[in-house]
């Protein structure tokens, strides 16, 4: 999995790419979010369009990131969810917990 960060004003956009299946990539997401919080960024959008699949460990990494952000007074929004990943969110009922958007721009705007 690859992780790319870009700032849109005070919103950090993390582009995730590959499989989110546990191991170092899941801790990398949480470490990046903790680093952003330490820098004062509390609004994060995870662009998951290029995530081909994720398992429960990957879901846990996103939940952990969202929890850290909410505890710091921020939030995590998801953008461009693929059909495979969306089905996983529906099955696990996490679709009711995460704010999801069709585009990165919509997710960024939702923080305004």
PDB file of N, CA and C in Angstrom:
ATOM      1  N   UNK A   1       0.831  -1.176   0.000  1.00  0.00           N
ATOM      2  CA  UNK A   1       0.000   0.000   0.000  1.00  0.00           C
ATOM      3  C   UNK A   1       0.877   1.242   0.000  1.00  0.00           C
ATOM      4  N   UNK A   2       0.441   2.241  -0.735  1.00  0.00           N
ATOM      5  CA  UNK A   2       1.161   3.507  -0.785  1.00  0.00           C
ATOM      6  C   UNK A   2       0.280   4.596  -0.190  1.00  0.00           C
ATOM      7  N   UNK A   3       0.926   5.610   0.369  1.00  0.00           N
ATOM      8  CA  UNK A   3       0.225   6.710   1.022  1.00  0.00           C
ATOM      9  C   UNK A   3       0.808   8.024   0.521  1.00  0.00           C
ATOM     10  N   UNK A   4      -0.075   8.901   0.014  1.00  0.00           N
ATOM     11  CA  UNK A   4       0.366  10.205  -0.475  1.00  0.00           C
ATOM     12  C   UNK A   4      -0.482  11.271   0.216  1.00  0.00           C
ATOM     13  N   UNK A   5       0.179  12.321   0.696  1.00  0.00           N
ATOM     14  CA  UNK A   5      -0.515  13.394   1.423  1.00  0.00           C
ATOM     15  C   UNK A   5      -0.483  14.681   0.623  1.00  0.00           C
ATOM     16  N   UNK A   6      -1.617  15.385   0.635  1.00  0.00           N
ATOM     17  CA  UNK A   6      -1.703  16.698   0.003  1.00  0.00           C
ATOM     18  C   UNK A   6      -2.610  17.574   0.859  1.00  0.00           C
ATOM     19  N   UNK A   7      -2.244  18.838   1.017  1.00  0.00           N
ATOM     20  CA  UNK A   7      -3.059  19.755   1.823  1.00  0.00           C
ATOM     21  C   UNK A   7      -3.959  20.605   0.927  1.00  0.00           C
ATOM     22  N   UNK A   8      -5.212  20.730   1.314  1.00  0.00           N
ATOM     23  CA  UNK A   8      -6.185  21.620   0.672  1.00  0.00           C
ATOM     24  C   UNK A   8      -6.600  22.611   1.748  1.00  0.00           C
ATOM     25  N   UNK A   9      -5.869  23.708   1.864  1.00  0.00           N
ATOM     26  CA  UNK A   9      -6.104  24.643   2.959  1.00  0.00           C
ATOM     27  C   UNK A   9      -5.751  23.965   4.274  1.00  0.00           C
ATOM     28  N   UNK A  10      -6.740  23.842   5.175  1.00  0.00           N
ATOM     29  CA  UNK A  10      -6.484  23.191   6.465  1.00  0.00           C
ATOM     30  C   UNK A  10      -6.966  21.735   6.489  1.00  0.00           C
ATOM     31  N   UNK A  11      -7.257  21.191   5.309  1.00  0.00           N
ATOM     32  CA  UNK A  11      -7.706  19.798   5.204  1.00  0.00           C
ATOM     33  C   UNK A  11      -6.602  18.953   4.572  1.00  0.00           C
ATOM     34  N   UNK A  12      -6.206  17.897   5.264  1.00  0.00           N
ATOM     35  CA  UNK A  12      -5.206  16.973   4.727  1.00  0.00           C
ATOM     36  C   UNK A  12      -5.936  15.879   3.953  1.00  0.00           C
ATOM     37  N   UNK A  13      -5.498  15.636   2.720  1.00  0.00           N
ATOM     38  CA  UNK A  13      -6.055  14.555   1.915  1.00  0.00           C
ATOM     39  C   UNK A  13      -5.000  13.466   1.807  1.00  0.00           C
ATOM     40  N   UNK A  14      -5.364  12.275   2.265  1.00  0.00           N
ATOM     41  CA  UNK A  14      -4.472  11.126   2.187  1.00  0.00           C
ATOM     42  C   UNK A  14      -4.976  10.196   1.092  1.00  0.00           C
ATOM     43  N   UNK A  15      -4.180  10.063   0.042  1.00  0.00           N
ATOM     44  CA  UNK A  15      -4.535   9.134  -1.033  1.00  0.00           C
ATOM     45  C   UNK A  15      -3.941   7.771  -0.694  1.00  0.00           C
ATOM     46  N   UNK A  16      -4.813   6.790  -0.524  1.00  0.00           N
ATOM     47  CA  UNK A  16      -4.393   5.435  -0.195  1.00  0.00           C
ATOM     48  C   UNK A  16      -4.452   4.596  -1.462  1.00  0.00           C
ATOM     49  N   UNK A  17      -3.462   3.733  -1.640  1.00  0.00           N
ATOM     50  CA  UNK A  17      -3.378   2.965  -2.875  1.00  0.00           C
ATOM     51  C   UNK A  17      -2.913   1.548  -2.569  1.00  0.00           C
ATOM     52  N   UNK A  18      -3.588   0.543  -3.126  1.00  0.00           N
ATOM     53  CA  UNK A  18      -3.197  -0.843  -2.938  1.00  0.00           C
ATOM     54  C   UNK A  18      -4.178  -1.575  -2.049  1.00  0.00           C
ATOM     55  N   UNK A  19      -3.696  -2.608  -1.368  1.00  0.00           N
ATOM     56  CA  UNK A  19      -4.532  -3.399  -0.469  1.00  0.00           C
ATOM     57  C   UNK A  19      -4.273  -2.982   0.972  1.00  0.00           C
ATOM     58  N   UNK A  20      -5.336  -2.883   1.724  1.00  0.00           N
ATOM     59  CA  UNK A  20      -5.258  -2.515   3.133  1.00  0.00           C
ATOM     60  C   UNK A  20      -5.605  -3.775   3.934  1.00  0.00           C
ATOM     61  N   UNK A  21      -4.583  -4.603   4.160  1.00  0.00           N
ATOM     62  CA  UNK A  21      -4.815  -5.939   4.687  1.00  0.00           C
ATOM     63  C   UNK A  21      -4.096  -6.207   6.002  1.00  0.00           C
ATOM     64  N   UNK A  22      -3.604  -5.226   6.667  1.00  0.00           N
ATOM     65  CA  UNK A  22      -2.884  -5.462   7.909  1.00  0.00           C
ATOM     66  C   UNK A  22      -1.400  -5.288   7.707  1.00  0.00           C
ATOM     67  N   UNK A  23      -0.660  -5.412   8.787  1.00  0.00           N
ATOM     68  CA  UNK A  23       0.785  -5.243   8.684  1.00  0.00           C
ATOM     69  C   UNK A  23       1.189  -3.790   8.739  1.00  0.00           C
ATOM     70  N   UNK A  24       2.366  -3.480   8.181  1.00  0.00           N
ATOM     71  CA  UNK A  24       2.915  -2.124   8.309  1.00  0.00           C
ATOM     72  C   UNK A  24       2.038  -1.035   7.694  1.00  0.00           C
ATOM     73  N   UNK A  25       1.299  -1.377   6.618  1.00  0.00           N
ATOM     74  CA  UNK A  25       0.504  -0.329   5.973  1.00  0.00           C
ATOM     75  C   UNK A  25      -0.613   0.190   6.855  1.00  0.00           C
ATOM     76  N   UNK A  26      -1.186  -0.666   7.690  1.00  0.00           N
ATOM     77  CA  UNK A  26      -2.255  -0.181   8.551  1.00  0.00           C
ATOM     78  C   UNK A  26      -1.714   0.713   9.660  1.00  0.00           C
ATOM     79  N   UNK A  27      -0.566   0.366  10.215  1.00  0.00           N
ATOM     80  CA  UNK A  27       0.013   1.234  11.242  1.00  0.00           C
ATOM     81  C   UNK A  27       0.527   2.525  10.618  1.00  0.00           C
ATOM     82  N   UNK A  28       0.914   2.483   9.339  1.00  0.00           N
ATOM     83  CA  UNK A  28       1.379   3.690   8.653  1.00  0.00           C
ATOM     84  C   UNK A  28       0.268   4.739   8.572  1.00  0.00           C
ATOM     85  N   UNK A  29      -0.955   4.298   8.341  1.00  0.00           N
ATOM     86  CA  UNK A  29      -2.089   5.226   8.279  1.00  0.00           C
ATOM     87  C   UNK A  29      -2.280   5.907   9.630  1.00  0.00           C
ATOM     88  N   UNK A  30      -2.296   5.124  10.685  1.00  0.00           N
ATOM     89  CA  UNK A  30      -2.525   5.694  12.015  1.00  0.00           C
ATOM     90  C   UNK A  30      -1.371   6.605  12.423  1.00  0.00           C
ATOM     91  N   UNK A  31      -0.143   6.213  12.104  1.00  0.00           N
ATOM     92  CA  UNK A  31       1.014   7.060  12.420  1.00  0.00           C
ATOM     93  C   UNK A  31       0.933   8.392  11.675  1.00  0.00           C
ATOM     94  N   UNK A  32       0.511   8.351  10.407  1.00  0.00           N
ATOM     95  CA  UNK A  32       0.383   9.581   9.610  1.00  0.00           C
ATOM     96  C   UNK A  32      -0.684  10.484  10.216  1.00  0.00           C
ATOM     97  N   UNK A  33      -1.788   9.908  10.646  1.00  0.00           N
ATOM     98  CA  UNK A  33      -2.858  10.707  11.256  1.00  0.00           C
ATOM     99  C   UNK A  33      -2.377  11.323  12.567  1.00  0.00           C
ATOM    100  N   UNK A  34      -1.663  10.556  13.379  1.00  0.00           N
ATOM    101  CA  UNK A  34      -1.123  11.111  14.635  1.00  0.00           C
ATOM    102  C   UNK A  34      -0.125  12.226  14.350  1.00  0.00           C
ATOM    103  N   UNK A  35       0.675  12.068  13.297  1.00  0.00           N
ATOM    104  CA  UNK A  35       1.616  13.115  12.899  1.00  0.00           C
ATOM    105  C   UNK A  35       0.870  14.382  12.485  1.00  0.00           C
ATOM    106  N   UNK A  36      -0.206  14.225  11.713  1.00  0.00           N
ATOM    107  CA  UNK A  36      -1.012  15.377  11.274  1.00  0.00           C
ATOM    108  C   UNK A  36      -1.637  16.086  12.473  1.00  0.00           C
ATOM    109  N   UNK A  37      -2.151  15.317  13.413  1.00  0.00           N
ATOM    110  CA  UNK A  37      -2.745  15.911  14.626  1.00  0.00           C
ATOM    111  C   UNK A  37      -1.680  16.705  15.377  1.00  0.00           C
ATOM    112  N   UNK A  38      -0.476  16.150  15.476  1.00  0.00           N
ATOM    113  CA  UNK A  38       0.632  16.841  16.136  1.00  0.00           C
ATOM    114  C   UNK A  38       1.004  18.145  15.455  1.00  0.00           C
ATOM    115  N   UNK A  39       0.755  18.219  14.149  1.00  0.00           N
ATOM    116  CA  UNK A  39       1.036  19.436  13.383  1.00  0.00           C
ATOM    117  C   UNK A  39      -0.147  20.394  13.387  1.00  0.00           C
ATOM    118  N   UNK A  40      -1.246  20.002  14.056  1.00  0.00           N
ATOM    119  CA  UNK A  40      -2.414  20.868  14.151  1.00  0.00           C
ATOM    120  C   UNK A  40      -3.485  20.600  13.120  1.00  0.00           C
ATOM    121  N   UNK A  41      -3.276  19.635  12.219  1.00  0.00           N
ATOM    122  CA  UNK A  41      -4.289  19.308  11.210  1.00  0.00           C
ATOM    123  C   UNK A  41      -5.275  18.315  11.818  1.00  0.00           C
ATOM    124  N   UNK A  42      -6.533  18.694  11.851  1.00  0.00           N
ATOM    125  CA  UNK A  42      -7.543  17.833  12.462  1.00  0.00           C
ATOM    126  C   UNK A  42      -8.636  17.432  11.488  1.00  0.00           C
ATOM    127  N   UNK A  43      -8.527  17.912  10.259  1.00  0.00           N
ATOM    128  CA  UNK A  43      -9.508  17.575   9.228  1.00  0.00           C
ATOM    129  C   UNK A  43      -8.787  16.738   8.178  1.00  0.00           C
ATOM    130  N   UNK A  44      -9.235  15.483   8.027  1.00  0.00           N
ATOM    131  CA  UNK A  44      -8.557  14.570   7.109  1.00  0.00           C
ATOM    132  C   UNK A  44      -9.580  13.882   6.211  1.00  0.00           C
ATOM    133  N   UNK A  45      -9.245  13.816   4.935  1.00  0.00           N
ATOM    134  CA  UNK A  45     -10.030  13.066   3.958  1.00  0.00           C
ATOM    135  C   UNK A  45      -9.160  11.908   3.488  1.00  0.00           C
ATOM    136  N   UNK A  46      -9.696  10.700   3.548  1.00  0.00           N
ATOM    137  CA  UNK A  46      -8.997   9.536   3.008  1.00  0.00           C
ATOM    138  C   UNK A  46      -9.600   9.233   1.642  1.00  0.00           C
ATOM    139  N   UNK A  47      -8.794   9.388   0.594  1.00  0.00           N
ATOM    140  CA  UNK A  47      -9.197   9.076  -0.774  1.00  0.00           C
ATOM    141  C   UNK A  47      -8.885   7.595  -0.988  1.00  0.00           C
ATOM    142  N   UNK A  48      -9.912   6.774  -1.039  1.00  0.00           N
ATOM    143  CA  UNK A  48      -9.719   5.325  -1.106  1.00  0.00           C
ATOM    144  C   UNK A  48     -10.038   4.742  -2.485  1.00  0.00           C
ATOM    145  N   UNK A  49     -10.069   5.597  -3.498  1.00  0.00           N
ATOM    146  CA  UNK A  49     -10.399   5.121  -4.849  1.00  0.00           C
ATOM    147  C   UNK A  49      -9.440   4.023  -5.320  1.00  0.00           C
ATOM    148  N   UNK A  50      -8.172   4.116  -4.951  1.00  0.00           N
ATOM    149  CA  UNK A  50      -7.176   3.166  -5.440  1.00  0.00           C
ATOM    150  C   UNK A  50      -6.898   2.033  -4.455  1.00  0.00           C
ATOM    151  N   UNK A  51      -7.769   1.898  -3.450  1.00  0.00           N
ATOM    152  CA  UNK A  51      -7.663   0.756  -2.534  1.00  0.00           C
ATOM    153  C   UNK A  51      -8.453  -0.386  -3.170  1.00  0.00           C
ATOM    154  N   UNK A  52      -7.739  -1.433  -3.568  1.00  0.00           N
ATOM    155  CA  UNK A  52      -8.404  -2.530  -4.269  1.00  0.00           C
ATOM    156  C   UNK A  52      -9.168  -3.446  -3.326  1.00  0.00           C
ATOM    157  N   UNK A  53      -8.693  -3.588  -2.095  1.00  0.00           N
ATOM    158  CA  UNK A  53      -9.400  -4.413  -1.123  1.00  0.00           C
ATOM    159  C   UNK A  53      -8.906  -4.083   0.273  1.00  0.00           C
ATOM    160  N   UNK A  54      -9.740  -4.344   1.268  1.00  0.00           N
ATOM    161  CA  UNK A  54      -9.307  -4.225   2.655  1.00  0.00           C
ATOM    162  C   UNK A  54      -9.998  -5.291   3.474  1.00  0.00           C
ATOM    163  N   UNK A  55      -9.348  -5.690   4.557  1.00  0.00           N
ATOM    164  CA  UNK A  55      -9.937  -6.670   5.468  1.00  0.00           C
ATOM    165  C   UNK A  55     -10.269  -5.979   6.785  1.00  0.00           C
ATOM    166  N   UNK A  56     -10.558  -6.760   7.804  1.00  0.00           N
ATOM    167  CA  UNK A  56     -10.954  -6.184   9.093  1.00  0.00           C
ATOM    168  C   UNK A  56      -9.838  -5.346   9.712  1.00  0.00           C
ATOM    169  N   UNK A  57      -8.586  -5.722   9.465  1.00  0.00           N
ATOM    170  CA  UNK A  57      -7.468  -4.939   9.998  1.00  0.00           C
ATOM    171  C   UNK A  57      -7.416  -3.573   9.332  1.00  0.00           C
ATOM    172  N   UNK A  58      -7.667  -3.528   8.031  1.00  0.00           N
ATOM    173  CA  UNK A  58      -7.719  -2.255   7.309  1.00  0.00           C
ATOM    174  C   UNK A  58      -8.858  -1.382   7.797  1.00  0.00           C
ATOM    175  N   UNK A  59     -10.018  -2.005   8.015  1.00  0.00           N
ATOM    176  CA  UNK A  59     -11.155  -1.259   8.572  1.00  0.00           C
ATOM    177  C   UNK A  59     -10.802  -0.711   9.951  1.00  0.00           C
ATOM    178  N   UNK A  60     -10.121  -1.532  10.738  1.00  0.00           N
ATOM    179  CA  UNK A  60      -9.714  -1.099  12.079  1.00  0.00           C
ATOM    180  C   UNK A  60      -8.772   0.089  12.032  1.00  0.00           C
ATOM    181  N   UNK A  61      -7.895   0.111  11.025  1.00  0.00           N
ATOM    182  CA  UNK A  61      -6.968   1.246  10.883  1.00  0.00           C
ATOM    183  C   UNK A  61      -7.737   2.530  10.601  1.00  0.00           C
ATOM    184  N   UNK A  62      -8.761   2.455   9.754  1.00  0.00           N
ATOM    185  CA  UNK A  62      -9.570   3.645   9.452  1.00  0.00           C
ATOM    186  C   UNK A  62     -10.383   4.076  10.674  1.00  0.00           C
ATOM    187  N   UNK A  63     -10.914   3.118  11.410  1.00  0.00           N
ATOM    188  CA  UNK A  63     -11.673   3.438  12.627  1.00  0.00           C
ATOM    189  C   UNK A  63     -10.742   4.075  13.663  1.00  0.00           C
ATOM    190  N   UNK A  64      -9.541   3.527  13.808  1.00  0.00           N
ATOM    191  CA  UNK A  64      -8.573   4.095  14.750  1.00  0.00           C
ATOM    192  C   UNK A  64      -8.181   5.511  14.380  1.00  0.00           C
ATOM    193  N   UNK A  65      -7.987   5.742  13.076  1.00  0.00           N
ATOM    194  CA  UNK A  65      -7.644   7.088  12.611  1.00  0.00           C
ATOM    195  C   UNK A  65      -8.786   8.056  12.899  1.00  0.00           C
ATOM    196  N   UNK A  66     -10.012   7.625  12.628  1.00  0.00           N
ATOM    197  CA  UNK A  66     -11.171   8.482  12.881  1.00  0.00           C
ATOM    198  C   UNK A  66     -11.308   8.773  14.374  1.00  0.00           C
ATOM    199  N   UNK A  67     -11.099   7.774  15.208  1.00  0.00           N
ATOM    200  CA  UNK A  67     -11.197   7.968  16.661  1.00  0.00           C
ATOM    201  C   UNK A  67     -10.160   8.967  17.161  1.00  0.00           C
ATOM    202  N   UNK A  68      -8.925   8.831  16.682  1.00  0.00           N
ATOM    203  CA  UNK A  68      -7.862   9.766  17.082  1.00  0.00           C
ATOM    204  C   UNK A  68      -8.211  11.187  16.685  1.00  0.00           C
ATOM    205  N   UNK A  69      -8.729  11.346  15.466  1.00  0.00           N
ATOM    206  CA  UNK A  69      -9.091  12.687  14.987  1.00  0.00           C
ATOM    207  C   UNK A  69     -10.254  13.253  15.789  1.00  0.00           C
ATOM    208  N   UNK A  70     -11.258  12.449  16.049  1.00  0.00           N
ATOM    209  CA  UNK A  70     -12.415  12.940  16.813  1.00  0.00           C
ATOM    210  C   UNK A  70     -12.032  13.289  18.243  1.00  0.00           C
ATOM    211  N   UNK A  71     -11.140  12.511  18.839  1.00  0.00           N
ATOM    212  CA  UNK A  71     -10.660  12.820  20.191  1.00  0.00           C
ATOM    213  C   UNK A  71      -9.880  14.131  20.222  1.00  0.00           C
ATOM    214  N   UNK A  72      -9.294  14.507  19.071  1.00  0.00           N
ATOM    215  CA  UNK A  72      -8.536  15.754  18.976  1.00  0.00           C
ATOM    216  C   UNK A  72      -9.412  16.916  18.498  1.00  0.00           C
ATOM    217  N   UNK A  73     -10.709  16.667  18.342  1.00  0.00           N
ATOM    218  CA  UNK A  73     -11.624  17.719  17.906  1.00  0.00           C
ATOM    219  C   UNK A  73     -11.758  17.810  16.398  1.00  0.00           C
ATOM    220  N   UNK A  74     -11.335  16.786  15.681  1.00  0.00           N
ATOM    221  CA  UNK A  74     -11.421  16.785  14.217  1.00  0.00           C
ATOM    222  C   UNK A  74     -12.296  15.659  13.713  1.00  0.00           C
ATOM    223  N   UNK A  75     -12.056  15.258  12.460  1.00  0.00           N
ATOM    224  CA  UNK A  75     -12.843  14.171  11.883  1.00  0.00           C
ATOM    225  C   UNK A  75     -12.143  13.605  10.657  1.00  0.00           C
ATOM    226  N   UNK A  76     -12.578  12.421  10.254  1.00  0.00           N
ATOM    227  CA  UNK A  76     -12.096  11.747   9.062  1.00  0.00           C
ATOM    228  C   UNK A  76     -13.274  11.512   8.135  1.00  0.00           C
ATOM    229  N   UNK A  77     -13.120  11.895   6.890  1.00  0.00           N
ATOM    230  CA  UNK A  77     -14.144  11.649   5.878  1.00  0.00           C
ATOM    231  C   UNK A  77     -13.517  10.791   4.784  1.00  0.00           C
ATOM    232  N   UNK A  78     -14.328   9.962   4.142  1.00  0.00           N
ATOM    233  CA  UNK A  78     -13.843   9.083   3.082  1.00  0.00           C
ATOM    234  C   UNK A  78     -14.369   9.553   1.733  1.00  0.00           C
ATOM    235  N   UNK A  79     -13.512   9.471   0.722  1.00  0.00           N
ATOM    236  CA  UNK A  79     -13.898   9.898  -0.620  1.00  0.00           C
ATOM    237  C   UNK A  79     -13.604   8.801  -1.635  1.00  0.00           C
ATOM    238  N   UNK A  80     -14.422   8.743  -2.651  1.00  0.00           N
ATOM    239  CA  UNK A  80     -14.249   7.871  -3.825  1.00  0.00           C
ATOM    240  C   UNK A  80     -14.107   6.395  -3.453  1.00  0.00           C
ATOM    241  N   UNK A  81     -15.094   5.903  -2.727  1.00  0.00           N
ATOM    242  CA  UNK A  81     -15.073   4.501  -2.306  1.00  0.00           C
ATOM    243  C   UNK A  81     -15.467   3.615  -3.488  1.00  0.00           C
ATOM    244  N   UNK A  82     -14.686   2.571  -3.713  1.00  0.00           N
ATOM    245  CA  UNK A  82     -14.983   1.633  -4.793  1.00  0.00           C
ATOM    246  C   UNK A  82     -16.133   0.719  -4.379  1.00  0.00           C
ATOM    247  N   UNK A  83     -16.699   0.028  -5.351  1.00  0.00           N
ATOM    248  CA  UNK A  83     -17.831  -0.848  -5.067  1.00  0.00           C
ATOM    249  C   UNK A  83     -17.451  -1.974  -4.102  1.00  0.00           C
ATOM    250  N   UNK A  84     -16.274  -2.576  -4.282  1.00  0.00           N
ATOM    251  CA  UNK A  84     -15.834  -3.647  -3.385  1.00  0.00           C
ATOM    252  C   UNK A  84     -15.737  -3.165  -1.940  1.00  0.00           C
ATOM    253  N   UNK A  85     -15.106  -2.013  -1.764  1.00  0.00           N
ATOM    254  CA  UNK A  85     -14.928  -1.471  -0.416  1.00  0.00           C
ATOM    255  C   UNK A  85     -16.272  -1.014   0.151  1.00  0.00           C
ATOM    256  N   UNK A  86     -17.115  -0.435  -0.678  1.00  0.00           N
ATOM    257  CA  UNK A  86     -18.433   0.006  -0.216  1.00  0.00           C
ATOM    258  C   UNK A  86     -19.257  -1.191   0.268  1.00  0.00           C
ATOM    259  N   UNK A  87     -19.186  -2.307  -0.462  1.00  0.00           N
ATOM    260  CA  UNK A  87     -19.908  -3.506  -0.034  1.00  0.00           C
ATOM    261  C   UNK A  87     -19.440  -3.959   1.345  1.00  0.00           C
ATOM    262  N   UNK A  88     -18.153  -3.877   1.588  1.00  0.00           N
ATOM    263  CA  UNK A  88     -17.596  -4.239   2.893  1.00  0.00           C
ATOM    264  C   UNK A  88     -18.138  -3.310   3.986  1.00  0.00           C
ATOM    265  N   UNK A  89     -18.238  -2.027   3.667  1.00  0.00           N
ATOM    266  CA  UNK A  89     -18.763  -1.054   4.635  1.00  0.00           C
ATOM    267  C   UNK A  89     -20.237  -1.309   4.924  1.00  0.00           C
ATOM    268  N   UNK A  90     -21.001  -1.721   3.909  1.00  0.00           N
ATOM    269  CA  UNK A  90     -22.421  -2.009   4.100  1.00  0.00           C
ATOM    270  C   UNK A  90     -22.591  -3.262   4.954  1.00  0.00           C
ATOM    271  N   UNK A  91     -21.837  -4.315   4.634  1.00  0.00           N
ATOM    272  CA  UNK A  91     -21.931  -5.579   5.378  1.00  0.00           C
ATOM    273  C   UNK A  91     -21.594  -5.374   6.855  1.00  0.00           C
ATOM    274  N   UNK A  92     -20.569  -4.574   7.133  1.00  0.00           N
ATOM    275  CA  UNK A  92     -20.131  -4.345   8.512  1.00  0.00           C
ATOM    276  C   UNK A  92     -20.903  -3.221   9.209  1.00  0.00           C
ATOM    277  N   UNK A  93     -21.795  -2.593   8.477  1.00  0.00           N
ATOM    278  CA  UNK A  93     -22.597  -1.467   8.981  1.00  0.00           C
ATOM    279  C   UNK A  93     -21.759  -0.221   9.289  1.00  0.00           C
ATOM    280  N   UNK A  94     -20.507  -0.203   8.845  1.00  0.00           N
ATOM    281  CA  UNK A  94     -19.657   0.973   9.061  1.00  0.00           C
ATOM    282  C   UNK A  94     -20.071   2.131   8.157  1.00  0.00           C
ATOM    283  N   UNK A  95     -20.919   1.854   7.189  1.00  0.00           N
ATOM    284  CA  UNK A  95     -21.422   2.907   6.318  1.00  0.00           C
ATOM    285  C   UNK A  95     -22.201   3.946   7.130  1.00  0.00           C
ATOM    286  N   UNK A  96     -22.697   3.543   8.309  1.00  0.00           N
ATOM    287  CA  UNK A  96     -23.438   4.470   9.162  1.00  0.00           C
ATOM    288  C   UNK A  96     -22.521   5.319  10.040  1.00  0.00           C
ATOM    289  N   UNK A  97     -21.244   4.944  10.132  1.00  0.00           N
ATOM    290  CA  UNK A  97     -20.303   5.644  11.004  1.00  0.00           C
ATOM    291  C   UNK A  97     -19.471   6.674  10.244  1.00  0.00           C
ATOM    292  N   UNK A  98     -19.052   6.311   9.041  1.00  0.00           N
ATOM    293  CA  UNK A  98     -18.189   7.190   8.241  1.00  0.00           C
ATOM    294  C   UNK A  98     -19.010   8.093   7.339  1.00  0.00           C
ATOM    295  N   UNK A  99     -18.555   9.339   7.185  1.00  0.00           N
ATOM    296  CA  UNK A  99     -19.109  10.233   6.182  1.00  0.00           C
ATOM    297  C   UNK A  99     -18.386   9.920   4.878  1.00  0.00           C
ATOM    298  N   UNK A 100     -19.136   9.559   3.831  1.00  0.00           N
ATOM    299  CA  UNK A 100     -18.530   9.213   2.553  1.00  0.00           C
ATOM    300  C   UNK A 100     -19.000  10.169   1.464  1.00  0.00           C
ATOM    301  N   UNK A 101     -18.105  10.429   0.516  1.00  0.00           N
ATOM    302  CA  UNK A 101     -18.380  11.384  -0.551  1.00  0.00           C
ATOM    303  C   UNK A 101     -17.915  10.819  -1.888  1.00  0.00           C
ATOM    304  N   UNK A 102     -18.581  11.262  -2.961  1.00  0.00           N
ATOM    305  CA  UNK A 102     -18.236  10.780  -4.304  1.00  0.00           C
ATOM    306  C   UNK A 102     -16.911  11.337  -4.798  1.00  0.00           C
ATOM    307  N   UNK A 103     -16.558  12.550  -4.361  1.00  0.00           N
ATOM    308  CA  UNK A 103     -15.308  13.172  -4.805  1.00  0.00           C
ATOM    309  C   UNK A 103     -14.523  13.708  -3.615  1.00  0.00           C
ATOM    310  N   UNK A 104     -13.235  13.897  -3.824  1.00  0.00           N
ATOM    311  CA  UNK A 104     -12.383  14.498  -2.794  1.00  0.00           C
ATOM    312  C   UNK A 104     -12.847  15.927  -2.521  1.00  0.00           C
ATOM    313  N   UNK A 105     -13.202  16.641  -3.577  1.00  0.00           N
ATOM    314  CA  UNK A 105     -13.639  18.037  -3.435  1.00  0.00           C
ATOM    315  C   UNK A 105     -14.873  18.155  -2.546  1.00  0.00           C
ATOM    316  N   UNK A 106     -15.837  17.242  -2.727  1.00  0.00           N
ATOM    317  CA  UNK A 106     -17.045  17.261  -1.876  1.00  0.00           C
ATOM    318  C   UNK A 106     -16.686  17.004  -0.422  1.00  0.00           C
ATOM    319  N   UNK A 107     -15.763  16.073  -0.187  1.00  0.00           N
ATOM    320  CA  UNK A 107     -15.349  15.749   1.182  1.00  0.00           C
ATOM    321  C   UNK A 107     -14.649  16.944   1.828  1.00  0.00           C
ATOM    322  N   UNK A 108     -13.760  17.589   1.073  1.00  0.00           N
ATOM    323  CA  UNK A 108     -13.052  18.767   1.594  1.00  0.00           C
ATOM    324  C   UNK A 108     -14.044  19.875   1.906  1.00  0.00           C
ATOM    325  N   UNK A 109     -14.989  20.120   0.997  1.00  0.00           N
ATOM    326  CA  UNK A 109     -15.986  21.167   1.181  1.00  0.00           C
ATOM    327  C   UNK A 109     -16.870  20.890   2.398  1.00  0.00           C
ATOM    328  N   UNK A 110     -17.114  19.630   2.699  1.00  0.00           N
ATOM    329  CA  UNK A 110     -17.964  19.266   3.841  1.00  0.00           C
ATOM    330  C   UNK A 110     -17.370  19.734   5.169  1.00  0.00           C
ATOM    331  N   UNK A 111     -16.062  19.992   5.203  1.00  0.00           N
ATOM    332  CA  UNK A 111     -15.429  20.489   6.427  1.00  0.00           C
ATOM    333  C   UNK A 111     -15.649  21.988   6.629  1.00  0.00           C
ATOM    334  N   UNK A 112     -16.093  22.696   5.616  1.00  0.00           N
ATOM    335  CA  UNK A 112     -16.229  24.155   5.710  1.00  0.00           C
ATOM    336  C   UNK A 112     -17.434  24.554   6.514  1.00  0.00           C
TER     337      UNK A 112
END
